[in-house]
Full PDB file with SEQRES, HELIX, SHEET, SSBOND, CRYST1, ORIGX, SCALE, CONECT and MASTER records, all heavy atoms in Angstrom:
SEQRES   1 A   36  ASN GLU LEU ALA ALA ILE ALA ARG GLU GLU GLY LEU TRP          
SEQRES   2 A   36  TYR HIS ILE ASP ALA ALA TYR GLY GLY PHE ALA VAL LEU          
SEQRES   3 A   36  ASP PRO ARG THR ARG PRO LEU LEU LYS GLY                      
HELIX    1 AA1 GLU A    2  GLU A   10  1                                   9    
HELIX    2 AA2 GLY A   22  LEU A   26  5                                   5    
HELIX    3 AA3 ARG A   31  LEU A   34  5                                   4    
CRYST1    1.000    1.000    1.000  90.00  90.00  90.00 P 1           1          
ORIGX1      1.000000  0.000000  0.000000        0.00000                         
ORIGX2      0.000000  1.000000  0.000000        0.00000                         
ORIGX3      0.000000  0.000000  1.000000        0.00000                         
SCALE1      1.000000  0.000000  0.000000        0.00000                         
SCALE2      0.000000  1.000000  0.000000        0.00000                         
SCALE3      0.000000  0.000000  1.000000        0.00000                         
ATOM      1  N   ASN A   1     -17.834  97.223  56.145  1.00  0.00           N  
ATOM      2  CA  ASN A   1     -18.415  95.943  55.709  1.00  0.00           C  
ATOM      3  C   ASN A   1     -17.409  95.103  54.925  1.00  0.00           C  
ATOM      4  O   ASN A   1     -17.286  93.884  55.155  1.00  0.00           O  
ATOM      5  CB  ASN A   1     -19.660  96.195  54.855  1.00  0.00           C  
ATOM      6  CG  ASN A   1     -20.867  96.569  55.692  1.00  0.00           C  
ATOM      7  OD1 ASN A   1     -21.179  95.914  56.674  1.00  0.00           O  
ATOM      8  ND2 ASN A   1     -21.545  97.639  55.303  1.00  0.00           N  
ATOM      9  N   GLU A   2     -16.696  95.725  54.015  1.00  0.00           N  
ATOM     10  CA  GLU A   2     -15.711  94.981  53.219  1.00  0.00           C  
ATOM     11  C   GLU A   2     -14.594  94.430  54.091  1.00  0.00           C  
ATOM     12  O   GLU A   2     -14.140  93.300  53.901  1.00  0.00           O  
ATOM     13  CB  GLU A   2     -15.137  95.884  52.127  1.00  0.00           C  
ATOM     14  CG  GLU A   2     -16.136  96.314  51.069  1.00  0.00           C  
ATOM     15  CD  GLU A   2     -15.496  97.256  50.073  1.00  0.00           C  
ATOM     16  OE1 GLU A   2     -14.598  96.809  49.332  1.00  0.00           O  
ATOM     17  OE2 GLU A   2     -15.882  98.441  50.049  1.00  0.00           O  
ATOM     18  N   LEU A   3     -14.159  95.221  55.043  1.00  0.00           N  
ATOM     19  CA  LEU A   3     -13.101  94.760  55.928  1.00  0.00           C  
ATOM     20  C   LEU A   3     -13.593  93.631  56.829  1.00  0.00           C  
ATOM     21  O   LEU A   3     -12.837  92.693  57.134  1.00  0.00           O  
ATOM     22  CB  LEU A   3     -12.580  95.929  56.771  1.00  0.00           C  
ATOM     23  CG  LEU A   3     -11.928  97.069  55.978  1.00  0.00           C  
ATOM     24  CD1 LEU A   3     -11.484  98.182  56.916  1.00  0.00           C  
ATOM     25  CD2 LEU A   3     -10.751  96.573  55.150  1.00  0.00           C  
ATOM     26  N   ALA A   4     -14.855  93.703  57.235  1.00  0.00           N  
ATOM     27  CA  ALA A   4     -15.416  92.621  58.049  1.00  0.00           C  
ATOM     28  C   ALA A   4     -15.407  91.304  57.291  1.00  0.00           C  
ATOM     29  O   ALA A   4     -15.100  90.238  57.859  1.00  0.00           O  
ATOM     30  CB  ALA A   4     -16.838  92.974  58.474  1.00  0.00           C  
ATOM     31  N   ALA A   5     -15.730  91.344  56.002  1.00  0.00           N  
ATOM     32  CA  ALA A   5     -15.744  90.117  55.193  1.00  0.00           C  
ATOM     33  C   ALA A   5     -14.343  89.515  55.098  1.00  0.00           C  
ATOM     34  O   ALA A   5     -14.175  88.282  55.188  1.00  0.00           O  
ATOM     35  CB  ALA A   5     -16.288  90.431  53.804  1.00  0.00           C  
ATOM     36  N   ILE A   6     -13.335  90.354  54.947  1.00  0.00           N  
ATOM     37  CA  ILE A   6     -11.959  89.857  54.877  1.00  0.00           C  
ATOM     38  C   ILE A   6     -11.546  89.257  56.217  1.00  0.00           C  
ATOM     39  O   ILE A   6     -10.915  88.185  56.276  1.00  0.00           O  
ATOM     40  CB  ILE A   6     -11.012  90.992  54.462  1.00  0.00           C  
ATOM     41  CG1 ILE A   6     -11.312  91.442  53.031  1.00  0.00           C  
ATOM     42  CG2 ILE A   6      -9.551  90.548  54.590  1.00  0.00           C  
ATOM     43  CD1 ILE A   6     -10.558  92.678  52.605  1.00  0.00           C  
ATOM     44  N   ALA A   7     -11.896  89.934  57.311  1.00  0.00           N  
ATOM     45  CA  ALA A   7     -11.546  89.427  58.635  1.00  0.00           C  
ATOM     46  C   ALA A   7     -12.177  88.063  58.883  1.00  0.00           C  
ATOM     47  O   ALA A   7     -11.526  87.147  59.419  1.00  0.00           O  
ATOM     48  CB  ALA A   7     -11.977  90.422  59.708  1.00  0.00           C  
ATOM     49  N   ARG A   8     -13.442  87.905  58.494  1.00  0.00           N  
ATOM     50  CA  ARG A   8     -14.100  86.597  58.662  1.00  0.00           C  
ATOM     51  C   ARG A   8     -13.418  85.532  57.811  1.00  0.00           C  
ATOM     52  O   ARG A   8     -13.154  84.418  58.276  1.00  0.00           O  
ATOM     53  CB  ARG A   8     -15.575  86.705  58.275  1.00  0.00           C  
ATOM     54  CG  ARG A   8     -16.469  87.302  59.330  1.00  0.00           C  
ATOM     55  CD  ARG A   8     -17.933  86.998  59.049  1.00  0.00           C  
ATOM     56  NE  ARG A   8     -18.335  87.421  57.715  1.00  0.00           N  
ATOM     57  CZ  ARG A   8     -18.815  88.609  57.425  1.00  0.00           C  
ATOM     58  NH1 ARG A   8     -18.943  89.514  58.399  1.00  0.00           N  
ATOM     59  NH2 ARG A   8     -19.177  88.925  56.194  1.00  0.00           N  
ATOM     60  N   GLU A   9     -13.152  85.861  56.574  1.00  0.00           N  
ATOM     61  CA  GLU A   9     -12.534  84.895  55.663  1.00  0.00           C  
ATOM     62  C   GLU A   9     -11.160  84.456  56.167  1.00  0.00           C  
ATOM     63  O   GLU A   9     -10.799  83.271  56.049  1.00  0.00           O  
ATOM     64  CB  GLU A   9     -12.403  85.518  54.272  1.00  0.00           C  
ATOM     65  CG  GLU A   9     -11.740  84.620  53.243  1.00  0.00           C  
ATOM     66  CD  GLU A   9     -11.552  85.315  51.905  1.00  0.00           C  
ATOM     67  OE1 GLU A   9     -12.239  86.339  51.657  1.00  0.00           O  
ATOM     68  OE2 GLU A   9     -10.725  84.842  51.113  1.00  0.00           O  
ATOM     69  N   GLU A  10     -10.402  85.386  56.741  1.00  0.00           N  
ATOM     70  CA  GLU A  10      -9.038  85.091  57.143  1.00  0.00           C  
ATOM     71  C   GLU A  10      -8.914  84.699  58.616  1.00  0.00           C  
ATOM     72  O   GLU A  10      -7.814  84.407  59.097  1.00  0.00           O  
ATOM     73  CB  GLU A  10      -8.147  86.312  56.871  1.00  0.00           C  
ATOM     74  CG  GLU A  10      -8.046  86.686  55.399  1.00  0.00           C  
ATOM     75  CD  GLU A  10      -7.254  85.656  54.601  1.00  0.00           C  
ATOM     76  OE1 GLU A  10      -6.551  84.831  55.220  1.00  0.00           O  
ATOM     77  OE2 GLU A  10      -7.324  85.691  53.367  1.00  0.00           O  
ATOM     78  N   GLY A  11     -10.032  84.715  59.332  1.00  0.00           N  
ATOM     79  CA  GLY A  11      -9.997  84.309  60.736  1.00  0.00           C  
ATOM     80  C   GLY A  11      -9.292  85.288  61.647  1.00  0.00           C  
ATOM     81  O   GLY A  11      -8.627  84.895  62.609  1.00  0.00           O  
ATOM     82  N   LEU A  12      -9.446  86.594  61.375  1.00  0.00           N  
ATOM     83  CA  LEU A  12      -8.798  87.628  62.184  1.00  0.00           C  
ATOM     84  C   LEU A  12      -9.782  88.230  63.189  1.00  0.00           C  
ATOM     85  O   LEU A  12     -10.980  88.337  62.922  1.00  0.00           O  
ATOM     86  CB  LEU A  12      -8.272  88.762  61.289  1.00  0.00           C  
ATOM     87  CG  LEU A  12      -7.372  88.404  60.110  1.00  0.00           C  
ATOM     88  CD1 LEU A  12      -6.878  89.671  59.445  1.00  0.00           C  
ATOM     89  CD2 LEU A  12      -6.217  87.526  60.548  1.00  0.00           C  
ATOM     90  N   TRP A  13      -9.263  88.622  64.333  1.00  0.00           N  
ATOM     91  CA  TRP A  13     -10.037  89.465  65.252  1.00  0.00           C  
ATOM     92  C   TRP A  13     -10.198  90.815  64.570  1.00  0.00           C  
ATOM     93  O   TRP A  13      -9.222  91.434  64.129  1.00  0.00           O  
ATOM     94  CB  TRP A  13      -9.290  89.615  66.571  1.00  0.00           C  
ATOM     95  CG  TRP A  13      -9.979  90.474  67.587  1.00  0.00           C  
ATOM     96  CD1 TRP A  13     -10.097  91.836  67.570  1.00  0.00           C  
ATOM     97  CD2 TRP A  13     -10.609  90.041  68.799  1.00  0.00           C  
ATOM     98  NE1 TRP A  13     -10.769  92.288  68.681  1.00  0.00           N  
ATOM     99  CE2 TRP A  13     -11.095  91.200  69.460  1.00  0.00           C  
ATOM    100  CE3 TRP A  13     -10.809  88.791  69.399  1.00  0.00           C  
ATOM    101  CZ2 TRP A  13     -11.763  91.140  70.683  1.00  0.00           C  
ATOM    102  CZ3 TRP A  13     -11.473  88.737  70.619  1.00  0.00           C  
ATOM    103  CH2 TRP A  13     -11.945  89.892  71.248  1.00  0.00           C  
ATOM    104  N   TYR A  14     -11.443  91.309  64.512  1.00  0.00           N  
ATOM    105  CA  TYR A  14     -11.740  92.553  63.804  1.00  0.00           C  
ATOM    106  C   TYR A  14     -12.073  93.624  64.829  1.00  0.00           C  
ATOM    107  O   TYR A  14     -13.130  93.599  65.462  1.00  0.00           O  
ATOM    108  CB  TYR A  14     -12.913  92.321  62.854  1.00  0.00           C  
ATOM    109  CG  TYR A  14     -13.322  93.511  62.013  1.00  0.00           C  
ATOM    110  CD1 TYR A  14     -12.417  94.479  61.600  1.00  0.00           C  
ATOM    111  CD2 TYR A  14     -14.656  93.660  61.606  1.00  0.00           C  
ATOM    112  CE1 TYR A  14     -12.802  95.548  60.824  1.00  0.00           C  
ATOM    113  CE2 TYR A  14     -15.053  94.722  60.813  1.00  0.00           C  
ATOM    114  CZ  TYR A  14     -14.128  95.667  60.431  1.00  0.00           C  
ATOM    115  OH  TYR A  14     -14.514  96.732  59.654  1.00  0.00           O  
ATOM    116  N   HIS A  15     -11.142  94.550  65.002  1.00  0.00           N  
ATOM    117  CA  HIS A  15     -11.322  95.649  65.946  1.00  0.00           C  
ATOM    118  C   HIS A  15     -11.547  96.945  65.183  1.00  0.00           C  
ATOM    119  O   HIS A  15     -10.894  97.199  64.164  1.00  0.00           O  
ATOM    120  CB  HIS A  15     -10.079  95.795  66.833  1.00  0.00           C  
ATOM    121  CG  HIS A  15     -10.137  96.987  67.744  1.00  0.00           C  
ATOM    122  ND1 HIS A  15     -11.092  97.130  68.725  1.00  0.00           N  
ATOM    123  CD2 HIS A  15      -9.350  98.106  67.814  1.00  0.00           C  
ATOM    124  CE1 HIS A  15     -10.898  98.264  69.360  1.00  0.00           C  
ATOM    125  NE2 HIS A  15      -9.850  98.887  68.823  1.00  0.00           N  
ATOM    126  N   ILE A  16     -12.471  97.775  65.673  1.00  0.00           N  
ATOM    127  CA  ILE A  16     -12.721  99.085  65.066  1.00  0.00           C  
ATOM    128  C   ILE A  16     -12.438 100.169  66.103  1.00  0.00           C  
ATOM    129  O   ILE A  16     -13.041 100.181  67.187  1.00  0.00           O  
ATOM    130  CB  ILE A  16     -14.165  99.218  64.546  1.00  0.00           C  
ATOM    131  CG1 ILE A  16     -14.449  98.177  63.463  1.00  0.00           C  
ATOM    132  CG2 ILE A  16     -14.404 100.626  63.995  1.00  0.00           C  
ATOM    133  CD1 ILE A  16     -15.879  98.191  62.950  1.00  0.00           C  
ATOM    134  N   ASP A  17     -11.536 101.054  65.773  1.00  0.00           N  
ATOM    135  CA  ASP A  17     -11.282 102.231  66.595  1.00  0.00           C  
ATOM    136  C   ASP A  17     -12.285 103.303  66.170  1.00  0.00           C  
ATOM    137  O   ASP A  17     -12.110 103.984  65.165  1.00  0.00           O  
ATOM    138  CB  ASP A  17      -9.852 102.713  66.392  1.00  0.00           C  
ATOM    139  CG  ASP A  17      -9.522 103.950  67.227  1.00  0.00           C  
ATOM    140  OD1 ASP A  17     -10.422 104.459  67.914  1.00  0.00           O  
ATOM    141  OD2 ASP A  17      -8.366 104.405  67.181  1.00  0.00           O  
ATOM    142  N   ALA A  18     -13.353 103.410  66.950  1.00  0.00           N  
ATOM    143  CA  ALA A  18     -14.408 104.405  66.689  1.00  0.00           C  
ATOM    144  C   ALA A  18     -14.407 105.454  67.793  1.00  0.00           C  
ATOM    145  O   ALA A  18     -15.461 105.983  68.154  1.00  0.00           O  
ATOM    146  CB  ALA A  18     -15.766 103.723  66.579  1.00  0.00           C  
ATOM    147  N   ALA A  19     -13.223 105.739  68.321  1.00  0.00           N  
ATOM    148  CA  ALA A  19     -13.114 106.678  69.440  1.00  0.00           C  
ATOM    149  C   ALA A  19     -13.759 108.015  69.110  1.00  0.00           C  
ATOM    150  O   ALA A  19     -14.495 108.582  69.918  1.00  0.00           O  
ATOM    151  CB  ALA A  19     -11.648 106.875  69.804  1.00  0.00           C  
ATOM    152  N   TYR A  20     -13.494 108.512  67.909  1.00  0.00           N  
ATOM    153  CA  TYR A  20     -14.083 109.797  67.519  1.00  0.00           C  
ATOM    154  C   TYR A  20     -15.479 109.623  66.929  1.00  0.00           C  
ATOM    155  O   TYR A  20     -16.439 110.243  67.374  1.00  0.00           O  
ATOM    156  CB  TYR A  20     -13.175 110.512  66.511  1.00  0.00           C  
ATOM    157  CG  TYR A  20     -13.868 111.672  65.821  1.00  0.00           C  
ATOM    158  CD1 TYR A  20     -14.459 112.684  66.561  1.00  0.00           C  
ATOM    159  CD2 TYR A  20     -13.940 111.740  64.442  1.00  0.00           C  
ATOM    160  CE1 TYR A  20     -15.116 113.739  65.934  1.00  0.00           C  
ATOM    161  CE2 TYR A  20     -14.582 112.789  63.809  1.00  0.00           C  
ATOM    162  CZ  TYR A  20     -15.177 113.781  64.558  1.00  0.00           C  
ATOM    163  OH  TYR A  20     -15.827 114.804  63.937  1.00  0.00           O  
ATOM    164  N   GLY A  21     -15.628 108.744  65.938  1.00  0.00           N  
ATOM    165  CA  GLY A  21     -16.869 108.721  65.169  1.00  0.00           C  
ATOM    166  C   GLY A  21     -17.962 107.819  65.678  1.00  0.00           C  
ATOM    167  O   GLY A  21     -19.104 107.900  65.211  1.00  0.00           O  
ATOM    168  N   GLY A  22     -17.673 106.946  66.639  1.00  0.00           N  
ATOM    169  CA  GLY A  22     -18.625 105.912  66.995  1.00  0.00           C  
ATOM    170  C   GLY A  22     -19.980 106.408  67.452  1.00  0.00           C  
ATOM    171  O   GLY A  22     -21.021 105.854  67.079  1.00  0.00           O  
ATOM    172  N   PHE A  23     -20.000 107.463  68.257  1.00  0.00           N  
ATOM    173  CA  PHE A  23     -21.280 107.930  68.791  1.00  0.00           C  
ATOM    174  C   PHE A  23     -22.123 108.656  67.748  1.00  0.00           C  
ATOM    175  O   PHE A  23     -23.283 108.996  68.018  1.00  0.00           O  
ATOM    176  CB  PHE A  23     -21.066 108.798  70.023  1.00  0.00           C  
ATOM    177  CG  PHE A  23     -20.631 108.007  71.227  1.00  0.00           C  
ATOM    178  CD1 PHE A  23     -19.373 108.181  71.782  1.00  0.00           C  
ATOM    179  CD2 PHE A  23     -21.470 107.061  71.787  1.00  0.00           C  
ATOM    180  CE1 PHE A  23     -18.965 107.442  72.877  1.00  0.00           C  
ATOM    181  CE2 PHE A  23     -21.081 106.304  72.887  1.00  0.00           C  
ATOM    182  CZ  PHE A  23     -19.823 106.491  73.433  1.00  0.00           C  
ATOM    183  N   ALA A  24     -21.589 108.864  66.559  1.00  0.00           N  
ATOM    184  CA  ALA A  24     -22.410 109.413  65.480  1.00  0.00           C  
ATOM    185  C   ALA A  24     -23.509 108.433  65.054  1.00  0.00           C  
ATOM    186  O   ALA A  24     -24.418 108.821  64.309  1.00  0.00           O  
ATOM    187  CB  ALA A  24     -21.542 109.775  64.278  1.00  0.00           C  
ATOM    188  N   VAL A  25     -23.459 107.177  65.523  1.00  0.00           N  
ATOM    189  CA  VAL A  25     -24.572 106.249  65.244  1.00  0.00           C  
ATOM    190  C   VAL A  25     -25.869 106.769  65.843  1.00  0.00           C  
ATOM    191  O   VAL A  25     -26.962 106.344  65.426  1.00  0.00           O  
ATOM    192  CB  VAL A  25     -24.295 104.829  65.777  1.00  0.00           C  
ATOM    193  CG1 VAL A  25     -23.126 104.191  65.067  1.00  0.00           C  
ATOM    194  CG2 VAL A  25     -24.095 104.821  67.287  1.00  0.00           C  
ATOM    195  N   LEU A  26     -25.795 107.670  66.810  1.00  0.00           N  
ATOM    196  CA  LEU A  26     -27.011 108.218  67.405  1.00  0.00           C  
ATOM    197  C   LEU A  26     -27.745 109.159  66.460  1.00  0.00           C  
ATOM    198  O   LEU A  26     -28.938 109.412  66.644  1.00  0.00           O  
ATOM    199  CB  LEU A  26     -26.670 108.947  68.711  1.00  0.00           C  
ATOM    200  CG  LEU A  26     -26.133 108.073  69.848  1.00  0.00           C  
ATOM    201  CD1 LEU A  26     -25.741 108.933  71.036  1.00  0.00           C  
ATOM    202  CD2 LEU A  26     -27.163 107.028  70.256  1.00  0.00           C  
ATOM    203  N   ASP A  27     -27.057 109.699  65.477  1.00  0.00           N  
ATOM    204  CA  ASP A  27     -27.667 110.599  64.493  1.00  0.00           C  
ATOM    205  C   ASP A  27     -28.234 109.765  63.347  1.00  0.00           C  
ATOM    206  O   ASP A  27     -27.472 109.136  62.606  1.00  0.00           O  
ATOM    207  CB  ASP A  27     -26.615 111.582  63.974  1.00  0.00           C  
ATOM    208  CG  ASP A  27     -27.150 112.460  62.852  1.00  0.00           C  
ATOM    209  OD1 ASP A  27     -28.374 112.697  62.804  1.00  0.00           O  
ATOM    210  OD2 ASP A  27     -26.342 112.896  62.008  1.00  0.00           O  
ATOM    211  N   PRO A  28     -29.555 109.726  63.165  1.00  0.00           N  
ATOM    212  CA  PRO A  28     -30.136 108.854  62.133  1.00  0.00           C  
ATOM    213  C   PRO A  28     -29.603 109.131  60.730  1.00  0.00           C  
ATOM    214  O   PRO A  28     -29.488 108.212  59.918  1.00  0.00           O  
ATOM    215  CB  PRO A  28     -31.634 109.165  62.216  1.00  0.00           C  
ATOM    216  CG  PRO A  28     -31.846 109.720  63.581  1.00  0.00           C  
ATOM    217  CD  PRO A  28     -30.583 110.447  63.927  1.00  0.00           C  
ATOM    218  N   ARG A  29     -29.242 110.380  60.442  1.00  0.00           N  
ATOM    219  CA  ARG A  29     -28.754 110.717  59.106  1.00  0.00           C  
ATOM    220  C   ARG A  29     -27.342 110.192  58.869  1.00  0.00           C  
ATOM    221  O   ARG A  29     -26.951 109.897  57.738  1.00  0.00           O  
ATOM    222  CB  ARG A  29     -28.788 112.242  58.937  1.00  0.00           C  
ATOM    223  CG  ARG A  29     -28.626 112.716  57.496  1.00  0.00           C  
ATOM    224  CD  ARG A  29     -29.002 114.175  57.377  1.00  0.00           C  
ATOM    225  NE  ARG A  29     -28.114 115.027  58.143  1.00  0.00           N  
ATOM    226  CZ  ARG A  29     -27.019 115.612  57.636  1.00  0.00           C  
ATOM    227  NH1 ARG A  29     -26.691 115.416  56.378  1.00  0.00           N  
ATOM    228  NH2 ARG A  29     -26.283 116.387  58.387  1.00  0.00           N  
ATOM    229  N   THR A  30     -26.559 110.068  59.944  1.00  0.00           N  
ATOM    230  CA  THR A  30     -25.168 109.637  59.828  1.00  0.00           C  
ATOM    231  C   THR A  30     -25.010 108.138  60.036  1.00  0.00           C  
ATOM    232  O   THR A  30     -24.052 107.540  59.525  1.00  0.00           O  
ATOM    233  CB  THR A  30     -24.299 110.403  60.849  1.00  0.00           C  
ATOM    234  OG1 THR A  30     -24.507 111.808  60.668  1.00  0.00           O  
ATOM    235  CG2 THR A  30     -22.835 110.100  60.684  1.00  0.00           C  
ATOM    236  N   ARG A  31     -25.913 107.525  60.749  1.00  0.00           N  
ATOM    237  CA  ARG A  31     -25.774 106.110  61.107  1.00  0.00           C  
ATOM    238  C   ARG A  31     -25.465 105.203  59.912  1.00  0.00           C  
ATOM    239  O   ARG A  31     -24.636 104.292  60.032  1.00  0.00           O  
ATOM    240  CB  ARG A  31     -27.020 105.629  61.843  1.00  0.00           C  
ATOM    241  CG  ARG A  31     -26.871 104.209  62.379  1.00  0.00           C  
ATOM    242  CD  ARG A  31     -28.112 103.727  63.138  1.00  0.00           C  
ATOM    243  NE  ARG A  31     -27.882 102.389  63.639  1.00  0.00           N  
ATOM    244  CZ  ARG A  31     -27.434 102.077  64.854  1.00  0.00           C  
ATOM    245  NH1 ARG A  31     -27.176 103.050  65.706  1.00  0.00           N  
ATOM    246  NH2 ARG A  31     -27.235 100.831  65.217  1.00  0.00           N  
ATOM    247  N   PRO A  32     -26.101 105.394  58.739  1.00  0.00           N  
ATOM    248  CA  PRO A  32     -25.779 104.496  57.613  1.00  0.00           C  
ATOM    249  C   PRO A  32     -24.301 104.501  57.234  1.00  0.00           C  
ATOM    250  O   PRO A  32     -23.795 103.490  56.723  1.00  0.00           O  
ATOM    251  CB  PRO A  32     -26.642 105.046  56.473  1.00  0.00           C  
ATOM    252  CG  PRO A  32     -27.798 105.692  57.161  1.00  0.00           C  
ATOM    253  CD  PRO A  32     -27.216 106.295  58.403  1.00  0.00           C  
ATOM    254  N   LEU A  33     -23.583 105.610  57.471  1.00  0.00           N  
ATOM    255  CA  LEU A  33     -22.161 105.662  57.150  1.00  0.00           C  
ATOM    256  C   LEU A  33     -21.343 104.725  58.030  1.00  0.00           C  
ATOM    257  O   LEU A  33     -20.221 104.357  57.689  1.00  0.00           O  
ATOM    258  CB  LEU A  33     -21.632 107.091  57.312  1.00  0.00           C  
ATOM    259  CG  LEU A  33     -22.289 108.170  56.448  1.00  0.00           C  
ATOM    260  CD1 LEU A  33     -21.692 109.536  56.782  1.00  0.00           C  
ATOM    261  CD2 LEU A  33     -22.116 107.861  54.969  1.00  0.00           C  
ATOM    262  N   LEU A  34     -21.917 104.344  59.174  1.00  0.00           N  
ATOM    263  CA  LEU A  34     -21.208 103.501  60.139  1.00  0.00           C  
ATOM    264  C   LEU A  34     -21.702 102.062  60.107  1.00  0.00           C  
ATOM    265  O   LEU A  34     -21.381 101.276  61.004  1.00  0.00           O  
ATOM    266  CB  LEU A  34     -21.364 104.085  61.538  1.00  0.00           C  
ATOM    267  CG  LEU A  34     -20.701 105.460  61.711  1.00  0.00           C  
ATOM    268  CD1 LEU A  34     -21.254 106.186  62.923  1.00  0.00           C  
ATOM    269  CD2 LEU A  34     -19.194 105.322  61.825  1.00  0.00           C  
ATOM    270  N   LYS A  35     -22.434 101.716  59.055  1.00  0.00           N  
ATOM    271  CA  LYS A  35     -22.888 100.344  58.902  1.00  0.00           C  
ATOM    272  C   LYS A  35     -21.684  99.413  58.850  1.00  0.00           C  
ATOM    273  O   LYS A  35     -20.737  99.646  58.092  1.00  0.00           O  
ATOM    274  CB  LYS A  35     -23.709 100.212  57.613  1.00  0.00           C  
ATOM    275  CG  LYS A  35     -24.277  98.824  57.365  1.00  0.00           C  
ATOM    276  CD  LYS A  35     -25.339  98.488  58.366  1.00  0.00           C  
ATOM    277  CE  LYS A  35     -25.974  97.122  58.050  1.00  0.00           C  
ATOM    278  NZ  LYS A  35     -26.857  96.670  59.132  1.00  0.00           N  
ATOM    279  N   GLY A  36     -21.707  98.384  59.665  1.00  0.00           N  
ATOM    280  CA  GLY A  36     -20.574  97.463  59.748  1.00  0.00           C  
ATOM    281  C   GLY A  36     -19.923  97.467  61.109  1.00  0.00           C  
ATOM    282  O   GLY A  36     -19.150  96.556  61.430  1.00  0.00           O  
TER     283      GLY A  36                                                      
MASTER        0    0    0    3    0    0    0    6  282    1    0    3          
END                                                                             
């Protein structure tokens, strides 16, 4: 979330490499850690 705010403020393309962790959004207990 903090990095997203900086990217918006500075006009940068914001890319997230979630190759390993991205699919953890499917786990309801872990999903909040991936907010953003």
